[in-house]
Amino acid sequence: MATKKSSGRSHGFKHKSRSVMKKDSPRGVSFLLREYKEGQQALVIIDPRQHKGLPHRRYHGKVGMITNVGRRAVTLDVKLGNKSKTLITRLDHIKPFGV
């Protein structure tokens, strides 16, 4: 008799996100020195070294407009199909668009 696979919240997450979340090299702290302003565009790049404030993998590679800047987190408006989604993420997972 085979055991039933679990169907929890993170079922299959490790397999699905393996290509997106690679730990290739150690990360510096230069991303903390970047200053973001409201109205600026930012690119969502998931960093697997920081699990706090991790956006969903469907937003990896998307460009959003910054609407609010906090001390540790940034609020982005990202277009996803016909809808506009609000993303609250840490500075580790974004970088300025066009840089």
C-alpha atoms as a PDB file:
ATOM      1  CA  MET A   1       0.000   0.000   0.000  1.00  0.00           C
ATOM      2  CA  ALA A   2       1.444   3.330  -1.061  1.00  0.00           C
ATOM      3  CA  THR A   3       1.411   6.329   1.208  1.00  0.00           C
ATOM      4  CA  LYS A   4      -0.482   9.394   0.140  1.00  0.00           C
ATOM      5  CA  LYS A   5       1.553  12.432  -0.904  1.00  0.00           C
ATOM      6  CA  SER A   6       1.045  15.491   1.203  1.00  0.00           C
ATOM      7  CA  SER A   7      -0.815  18.343  -0.441  1.00  0.00           C
ATOM      8  CA  GLY A   8       0.188  21.112   1.918  1.00  0.00           C
ATOM      9  CA  ARG A   9       0.865  24.749   1.174  1.00  0.00           C
ATOM     10  CA  SER A  10       4.432  24.251  -0.037  1.00  0.00           C
ATOM     11  CA  HIS A  11       3.886  21.000  -1.923  1.00  0.00           C
ATOM     12  CA  GLY A  12       6.308  20.938  -4.838  1.00  0.00           C
ATOM     13  CA  PHE A  13       7.806  24.349  -4.075  1.00  0.00           C
ATOM     14  CA  LYS A  14      11.366  23.046  -3.923  1.00  0.00           C
ATOM     15  CA  HIS A  15      11.092  21.459  -7.348  1.00  0.00           C
ATOM     16  CA  LYS A  16       9.242  24.335  -9.010  1.00  0.00           C
ATOM     17  CA  SER A  17      11.568  27.072  -7.789  1.00  0.00           C
ATOM     18  CA  ARG A  18      14.880  25.249  -8.241  1.00  0.00           C
ATOM     19  CA  SER A  19      15.790  27.067 -11.464  1.00  0.00           C
ATOM     20  CA  VAL A  20      14.859  30.499 -10.102  1.00  0.00           C
ATOM     21  CA  MET A  21      16.516  30.256  -6.705  1.00  0.00           C
ATOM     22  CA  LYS A  22      20.168  29.332  -7.154  1.00  0.00           C
ATOM     23  CA  LYS A  23      22.874  30.085  -4.605  1.00  0.00           C
ATOM     24  CA  ASP A  24      25.891  30.622  -6.864  1.00  0.00           C
ATOM     25  CA  SER A  25      28.098  33.115  -5.058  1.00  0.00           C
ATOM     26  CA  PRO A  26      28.140  35.035  -1.770  1.00  0.00           C
ATOM     27  CA  ARG A  27      26.308  38.336  -1.828  1.00  0.00           C
ATOM     28  CA  GLY A  28      27.759  41.662  -0.745  1.00  0.00           C
ATOM     29  CA  VAL A  29      25.907  44.499   0.938  1.00  0.00           C
ATOM     30  CA  SER A  30      25.867  47.001  -1.931  1.00  0.00           C
ATOM     31  CA  PHE A  31      22.127  46.431  -2.433  1.00  0.00           C
ATOM     32  CA  LEU A  32      21.527  48.055   0.976  1.00  0.00           C
ATOM     33  CA  LEU A  33      23.239  51.251  -0.161  1.00  0.00           C
ATOM     34  CA  ARG A  34      20.888  51.820  -3.112  1.00  0.00           C
ATOM     35  CA  GLU A  35      18.278  54.509  -2.601  1.00  0.00           C
ATOM     36  CA  TYR A  36      14.845  54.128  -4.140  1.00  0.00           C
ATOM     37  CA  LYS A  37      12.316  56.890  -4.778  1.00  0.00           C
ATOM     38  CA  GLU A  38       8.592  56.740  -5.408  1.00  0.00           C
ATOM     39  CA  GLY A  39       7.740  56.546  -9.099  1.00  0.00           C
ATOM     40  CA  GLN A  40      10.998  54.764  -9.952  1.00  0.00           C
ATOM     41  CA  GLN A  41      10.908  51.401 -11.726  1.00  0.00           C
ATOM     42  CA  ALA A  42      12.415  48.306 -10.095  1.00  0.00           C
ATOM     43  CA  LEU A  43      13.062  44.768 -11.262  1.00  0.00           C
ATOM     44  CA  VAL A  44      12.005  41.864  -9.031  1.00  0.00           C
ATOM     45  CA  ILE A  45      14.898  39.398  -8.712  1.00  0.00           C
ATOM     46  CA  ILE A  46      14.444  36.728  -6.032  1.00  0.00           C
ATOM     47  CA  ASP A  47      17.466  36.227  -3.784  1.00  0.00           C
ATOM     48  CA  PRO A  48      17.441  32.780  -2.144  1.00  0.00           C
ATOM     49  CA  ARG A  49      19.831  33.851   0.628  1.00  0.00           C
ATOM     50  CA  GLN A  50      17.114  35.923   2.320  1.00  0.00           C
ATOM     51  CA  HIS A  51      13.806  34.191   2.998  1.00  0.00           C
ATOM     52  CA  LYS A  52      12.115  37.133   4.692  1.00  0.00           C
ATOM     53  CA  GLY A  53      10.024  39.306   2.410  1.00  0.00           C
ATOM     54  CA  LEU A  54      10.320  36.756  -0.399  1.00  0.00           C
ATOM     55  CA  PRO A  55       7.886  37.481  -3.254  1.00  0.00           C
ATOM     56  CA  HIS A  56       6.146  34.639  -5.046  1.00  0.00           C
ATOM     57  CA  ARG A  57       8.152  33.055  -7.847  1.00  0.00           C
ATOM     58  CA  ARG A  58       5.618  34.227 -10.468  1.00  0.00           C
ATOM     59  CA  TYR A  59       6.919  37.790  -9.978  1.00  0.00           C
ATOM     60  CA  HIS A  60      10.582  36.886 -10.706  1.00  0.00           C
ATOM     61  CA  GLY A  61      11.780  39.045 -13.604  1.00  0.00           C
ATOM     62  CA  LYS A  62       8.799  41.422 -13.536  1.00  0.00           C
ATOM     63  CA  VAL A  63       9.150  45.203 -13.519  1.00  0.00           C
ATOM     64  CA  GLY A  64       7.118  47.288 -11.093  1.00  0.00           C
ATOM     65  CA  MET A  65       6.586  50.905 -10.096  1.00  0.00           C
ATOM     66  CA  ILE A  66       7.663  51.849  -6.573  1.00  0.00           C
ATOM     67  CA  THR A  67       4.783  53.357  -4.582  1.00  0.00           C
ATOM     68  CA  ASN A  68       6.171  53.396  -1.041  1.00  0.00           C
ATOM     69  CA  VAL A  69       9.649  53.179   0.461  1.00  0.00           C
ATOM     70  CA  GLY A  70      10.225  52.014   4.026  1.00  0.00           C
ATOM     71  CA  ARG A  71      13.358  51.287   6.047  1.00  0.00           C
ATOM     72  CA  ARG A  72      13.640  47.627   5.085  1.00  0.00           C
ATOM     73  CA  ALA A  73      10.846  47.076   2.576  1.00  0.00           C
ATOM     74  CA  VAL A  74       9.518  48.578  -0.639  1.00  0.00           C
ATOM     75  CA  THR A  75       5.975  48.497  -2.032  1.00  0.00           C
ATOM     76  CA  LEU A  76       5.702  47.869  -5.774  1.00  0.00           C
ATOM     77  CA  ASP A  77       2.789  47.888  -8.224  1.00  0.00           C
ATOM     78  CA  VAL A  78       3.394  45.067 -10.697  1.00  0.00           C
ATOM     79  CA  LYS A  79       1.303  44.405 -13.819  1.00  0.00           C
ATOM     80  CA  LEU A  80       0.271  40.759 -14.058  1.00  0.00           C
ATOM     81  CA  GLY A  81      -1.923  40.175 -17.104  1.00  0.00           C
ATOM     82  CA  ASN A  82      -4.755  42.706 -16.982  1.00  0.00           C
ATOM     83  CA  LYS A  83      -4.445  43.266 -13.231  1.00  0.00           C
ATOM     84  CA  SER A  84      -2.122  45.392 -11.133  1.00  0.00           C
ATOM     85  CA  LYS A  85      -0.798  43.623  -8.038  1.00  0.00           C
ATOM     86  CA  THR A  86       0.721  45.244  -4.959  1.00  0.00           C
ATOM     87  CA  LEU A  87       3.942  43.597  -3.812  1.00  0.00           C
ATOM     88  CA  ILE A  88       5.615  44.304  -0.471  1.00  0.00           C
ATOM     89  CA  THR A  89       9.176  43.005  -0.588  1.00  0.00           C
ATOM     90  CA  ARG A  90      12.552  43.552   1.021  1.00  0.00           C
ATOM     91  CA  LEU A  91      15.442  45.374  -0.631  1.00  0.00           C
ATOM     92  CA  ASP A  92      17.237  42.048  -1.202  1.00  0.00           C
ATOM     93  CA  HIS A  93      14.738  40.989  -3.850  1.00  0.00           C
ATOM     94  CA  ILE A  94      14.682  44.090  -6.085  1.00  0.00           C
ATOM     95  CA  LYS A  95      17.127  46.137  -8.110  1.00  0.00           C
ATOM     96  CA  PRO A  96      16.710  49.340 -10.142  1.00  0.00           C
ATOM     97  CA  PHE A  97      15.401  48.753 -13.644  1.00  0.00           C
ATOM     98  CA  GLY A  98      17.853  49.565 -16.430  1.00  0.00           C
ATOM     99  CA  VAL A  99      20.993  49.237 -14.290  1.00  0.00           C
END
